Each structure stands twice: as structure tokens, then as C-alpha cells.
Amino acid sequence: MTDRANFLFPHARYYGPVKPENLVFNANLQEFSQRINLISGLYSNGKLSPEESYQQIKTLWKQLKKSKKELGIGQDPFSQNDA
């Protein structure tokens, strides 16, 4: 069963700076990619309409952006943003 899961949902190694927030975001990004792949396959085979596909992808994108913001990825921790 593990081999099947690894085949269907492969995880790439992470090569960036090792910080907990980077590892979490990397996992979120890989899950996003896998779900987009699944939605694309369902759309290509006529199982999802273009509208349904778009809405699902839009929702996934918003979730990924929210996780990036919450984890502080790409932000300078020493900046003086008090505004």
C-alpha cells in the first residue's frame, strides 16, 4: 500500500533553508500541485465542468496564499512594518 501511495502522491525532497515554516509550506505546495493535477485530469476526462474546475483551483490557490502569509514566507522578519 505504501508503494502505491508513493506512486500516486510522490513527494520531492526539499533543498532550501531548513526552517519549520519552509518545510510546512513545501508540503502545502506539493499538496497543491497534486490536487491541481487531479482536477486537471478530471476536467480533461469530462468529469468536471470548466466552471467547477476553475472554482476548485481558485479555492486551492487562496488556501495556498493564506498559508504562505500565515507562515511568513518571503517576508523580512527584521523589517519595520508597523503601518
N, C-alpha and C. Protein backbone atom coordinates (compact mmCIF):
# COMPACT_ATOMS: atom_id res chain seq x y z
N MET A 1 0.82 -1.20 0.00
CA MET A 1 0.00 0.00 0.00
C MET A 1 0.86 1.26 0.00
N THR A 2 2.00 1.22 0.69
CA THR A 2 2.88 2.38 0.74
C THR A 2 3.46 2.68 -0.63
N ASP A 3 3.81 1.65 -1.39
CA ASP A 3 4.35 1.87 -2.73
C ASP A 3 3.33 2.54 -3.63
N ARG A 4 2.08 2.14 -3.51
CA ARG A 4 1.02 2.74 -4.31
C ARG A 4 0.85 4.21 -3.94
N ALA A 5 0.85 4.51 -2.64
CA ALA A 5 0.71 5.90 -2.20
C ALA A 5 1.90 6.74 -2.68
N ASN A 6 3.10 6.19 -2.61
CA ASN A 6 4.27 6.91 -3.10
C ASN A 6 4.21 7.14 -4.60
N PHE A 7 3.63 6.19 -5.33
CA PHE A 7 3.49 6.34 -6.77
C PHE A 7 2.45 7.40 -7.11
N LEU A 8 1.31 7.34 -6.44
CA LEU A 8 0.23 8.28 -6.73
C LEU A 8 0.49 9.68 -6.19
N PHE A 9 1.14 9.77 -5.04
CA PHE A 9 1.39 11.05 -4.39
C PHE A 9 2.87 11.18 -4.03
N PRO A 10 3.73 11.31 -5.04
CA PRO A 10 5.17 11.40 -4.74
C PRO A 10 5.51 12.72 -4.04
N HIS A 11 6.51 12.67 -3.19
CA HIS A 11 6.99 13.87 -2.50
C HIS A 11 8.43 14.10 -2.91
N ALA A 12 8.69 15.30 -3.39
CA ALA A 12 10.05 15.66 -3.77
C ALA A 12 10.81 16.10 -2.53
N ARG A 13 12.11 15.95 -2.56
CA ARG A 13 12.95 16.38 -1.45
C ARG A 13 12.97 17.90 -1.41
N TYR A 14 13.20 18.44 -0.23
CA TYR A 14 13.29 19.88 -0.05
C TYR A 14 14.77 20.26 0.04
N TYR A 15 15.20 21.23 -0.77
CA TYR A 15 16.60 21.62 -0.85
C TYR A 15 16.87 23.02 -0.31
N GLY A 16 15.86 23.73 0.16
CA GLY A 16 16.05 25.10 0.62
C GLY A 16 16.53 25.17 2.06
N PRO A 17 16.55 26.39 2.61
CA PRO A 17 16.94 26.58 4.01
C PRO A 17 15.99 25.80 4.93
N VAL A 18 16.54 25.03 5.83
CA VAL A 18 15.72 24.18 6.69
C VAL A 18 15.20 24.98 7.88
N LYS A 19 13.95 25.39 7.74
CA LYS A 19 13.23 26.06 8.82
C LYS A 19 11.85 25.42 8.85
N PRO A 20 11.23 25.32 10.01
CA PRO A 20 9.92 24.67 10.09
C PRO A 20 8.88 25.26 9.14
N GLU A 21 8.85 26.59 9.04
CA GLU A 21 7.84 27.21 8.17
C GLU A 21 8.10 26.90 6.70
N ASN A 22 9.37 26.77 6.30
CA ASN A 22 9.67 26.41 4.92
C ASN A 22 9.26 24.97 4.62
N LEU A 23 9.49 24.08 5.57
CA LEU A 23 9.10 22.68 5.36
C LEU A 23 7.59 22.53 5.27
N VAL A 24 6.86 23.26 6.11
CA VAL A 24 5.39 23.20 6.08
C VAL A 24 4.88 23.76 4.76
N PHE A 25 5.44 24.90 4.34
CA PHE A 25 4.98 25.48 3.07
C PHE A 25 5.32 24.57 1.90
N ASN A 26 6.47 23.92 1.93
CA ASN A 26 6.83 22.98 0.87
C ASN A 26 5.81 21.84 0.79
N ALA A 27 5.41 21.33 1.93
CA ALA A 27 4.39 20.26 1.95
C ALA A 27 3.06 20.79 1.40
N ASN A 28 2.70 22.01 1.78
CA ASN A 28 1.46 22.61 1.26
C ASN A 28 1.54 22.80 -0.25
N LEU A 29 2.69 23.23 -0.74
CA LEU A 29 2.87 23.45 -2.17
C LEU A 29 2.79 22.15 -2.95
N GLN A 30 3.37 21.08 -2.40
CA GLN A 30 3.29 19.79 -3.08
C GLN A 30 1.86 19.25 -3.09
N GLU A 31 1.14 19.45 -2.00
CA GLU A 31 -0.26 19.02 -1.97
C GLU A 31 -1.08 19.83 -2.97
N PHE A 32 -0.82 21.13 -3.06
CA PHE A 32 -1.50 21.98 -4.04
C PHE A 32 -1.26 21.44 -5.45
N SER A 33 -0.01 21.13 -5.76
CA SER A 33 0.35 20.62 -7.07
C SER A 33 -0.37 19.30 -7.39
N GLN A 34 -0.43 18.41 -6.42
CA GLN A 34 -1.10 17.13 -6.63
C GLN A 34 -2.59 17.32 -6.87
N ARG A 35 -3.20 18.22 -6.12
CA ARG A 35 -4.64 18.46 -6.29
C ARG A 35 -4.95 19.12 -7.63
N ILE A 36 -4.08 20.03 -8.07
CA ILE A 36 -4.26 20.67 -9.38
C ILE A 36 -4.16 19.61 -10.47
N ASN A 37 -3.22 18.71 -10.33
CA ASN A 37 -3.06 17.62 -11.29
C ASN A 37 -4.32 16.77 -11.35
N LEU A 38 -4.89 16.46 -10.19
CA LEU A 38 -6.11 15.66 -10.14
C LEU A 38 -7.28 16.40 -10.79
N ILE A 39 -7.45 17.67 -10.46
CA ILE A 39 -8.53 18.47 -11.04
C ILE A 39 -8.37 18.56 -12.56
N SER A 40 -7.15 18.75 -13.02
CA SER A 40 -6.88 18.83 -14.46
C SER A 40 -7.25 17.52 -15.15
N GLY A 41 -6.91 16.41 -14.53
CA GLY A 41 -7.27 15.10 -15.09
C GLY A 41 -8.77 14.90 -15.15
N LEU A 42 -9.47 15.29 -14.09
CA LEU A 42 -10.93 15.15 -14.08
C LEU A 42 -11.57 16.03 -15.14
N TYR A 43 -11.04 17.24 -15.31
CA TYR A 43 -11.57 18.13 -16.34
C TYR A 43 -11.29 17.56 -17.73
N SER A 44 -10.08 17.07 -17.96
CA SER A 44 -9.71 16.54 -19.27
C SER A 44 -10.56 15.34 -19.66
N ASN A 45 -10.98 14.56 -18.66
CA ASN A 45 -11.81 13.38 -18.94
C ASN A 45 -13.30 13.66 -18.88
N GLY A 46 -13.67 14.93 -18.75
CA GLY A 46 -15.08 15.31 -18.79
C GLY A 46 -15.84 15.08 -17.50
N LYS A 47 -15.13 14.84 -16.40
CA LYS A 47 -15.79 14.59 -15.12
C LYS A 47 -16.11 15.89 -14.38
N LEU A 48 -15.41 16.97 -14.72
CA LEU A 48 -15.66 18.28 -14.12
C LEU A 48 -15.89 19.29 -15.24
N SER A 49 -16.79 20.23 -14.99
CA SER A 49 -17.00 21.30 -15.96
C SER A 49 -15.89 22.34 -15.81
N PRO A 50 -15.73 23.20 -16.81
CA PRO A 50 -14.72 24.26 -16.69
C PRO A 50 -14.97 25.16 -15.47
N GLU A 51 -16.22 25.45 -15.18
CA GLU A 51 -16.55 26.31 -14.04
C GLU A 51 -16.18 25.66 -12.71
N GLU A 52 -16.52 24.37 -12.58
CA GLU A 52 -16.19 23.64 -11.36
C GLU A 52 -14.67 23.57 -11.17
N SER A 53 -13.97 23.27 -12.26
CA SER A 53 -12.52 23.18 -12.21
C SER A 53 -11.92 24.51 -11.78
N TYR A 54 -12.39 25.58 -12.40
CA TYR A 54 -11.88 26.91 -12.07
C TYR A 54 -12.12 27.26 -10.61
N GLN A 55 -13.32 27.00 -10.12
CA GLN A 55 -13.64 27.33 -8.73
C GLN A 55 -12.79 26.52 -7.75
N GLN A 56 -12.59 25.25 -8.03
CA GLN A 56 -11.77 24.42 -7.15
C GLN A 56 -10.32 24.89 -7.14
N ILE A 57 -9.80 25.23 -8.32
CA ILE A 57 -8.42 25.71 -8.40
C ILE A 57 -8.29 27.06 -7.71
N LYS A 58 -9.27 27.92 -7.90
CA LYS A 58 -9.25 29.23 -7.24
C LYS A 58 -9.25 29.08 -5.72
N THR A 59 -10.06 28.17 -5.20
CA THR A 59 -10.11 27.92 -3.76
C THR A 59 -8.78 27.39 -3.25
N LEU A 60 -8.19 26.44 -3.98
CA LEU A 60 -6.89 25.90 -3.58
C LEU A 60 -5.81 26.99 -3.59
N TRP A 61 -5.86 27.88 -4.60
CA TRP A 61 -4.88 28.96 -4.68
C TRP A 61 -5.00 29.90 -3.48
N LYS A 62 -6.24 30.22 -3.12
CA LYS A 62 -6.46 31.10 -1.96
C LYS A 62 -5.94 30.45 -0.68
N GLN A 63 -6.14 29.15 -0.54
CA GLN A 63 -5.63 28.44 0.64
C GLN A 63 -4.10 28.47 0.68
N LEU A 64 -3.47 28.29 -0.48
CA LEU A 64 -2.01 28.31 -0.54
C LEU A 64 -1.48 29.71 -0.21
N LYS A 65 -2.11 30.75 -0.75
CA LYS A 65 -1.69 32.11 -0.45
C LYS A 65 -1.85 32.42 1.04
N LYS A 66 -2.94 31.94 1.62
CA LYS A 66 -3.19 32.17 3.05
C LYS A 66 -2.11 31.48 3.89
N SER A 67 -1.77 30.25 3.53
CA SER A 67 -0.74 29.53 4.30
C SER A 67 0.61 30.23 4.17
N LYS A 68 0.91 30.76 2.98
CA LYS A 68 2.18 31.48 2.77
C LYS A 68 2.22 32.71 3.66
N LYS A 69 1.13 33.43 3.71
CA LYS A 69 1.08 34.64 4.52
C LYS A 69 1.18 34.31 6.01
N GLU A 70 0.43 33.29 6.45
CA GLU A 70 0.44 32.91 7.86
C GLU A 70 1.81 32.40 8.31
N LEU A 71 2.53 31.72 7.42
CA LEU A 71 3.84 31.19 7.75
C LEU A 71 4.94 32.24 7.63
N GLY A 72 4.62 33.38 7.00
CA GLY A 72 5.60 34.45 6.85
C GLY A 72 6.67 34.15 5.82
N ILE A 73 6.33 33.36 4.83
CA ILE A 73 7.29 33.00 3.78
C ILE A 73 7.52 34.23 2.89
N GLY A 74 8.79 34.55 2.66
CA GLY A 74 9.13 35.66 1.78
C GLY A 74 9.10 37.02 2.45
N GLN A 75 8.86 37.07 3.74
CA GLN A 75 8.84 38.33 4.46
C GLN A 75 10.14 38.50 5.23
N ASP A 76 10.58 39.73 5.34
CA ASP A 76 11.78 40.03 6.10
C ASP A 76 11.40 40.14 7.57
N PRO A 77 11.87 39.23 8.42
CA PRO A 77 11.48 39.26 9.82
C PRO A 77 12.00 40.49 10.58
N PHE A 78 12.96 41.21 9.98
CA PHE A 78 13.54 42.37 10.65
C PHE A 78 13.02 43.69 10.11
N SER A 79 12.03 43.62 9.20
CA SER A 79 11.50 44.87 8.66
C SER A 79 10.64 45.58 9.70
N GLN A 80 10.53 46.88 9.55
CA GLN A 80 9.77 47.71 10.48
C GLN A 80 8.41 48.06 9.87
N ASN A 81 7.53 47.07 9.75
CA ASN A 81 6.20 47.28 9.18
C ASN A 81 5.19 47.46 10.30
N ASP A 82 5.09 48.67 10.82
CA ASP A 82 4.14 48.96 11.88
C ASP A 82 2.91 49.66 11.34
N ALA A 83 2.79 49.83 10.04
CA ALA A 83 1.68 50.59 9.47
C ALA A 83 0.43 49.79 9.42
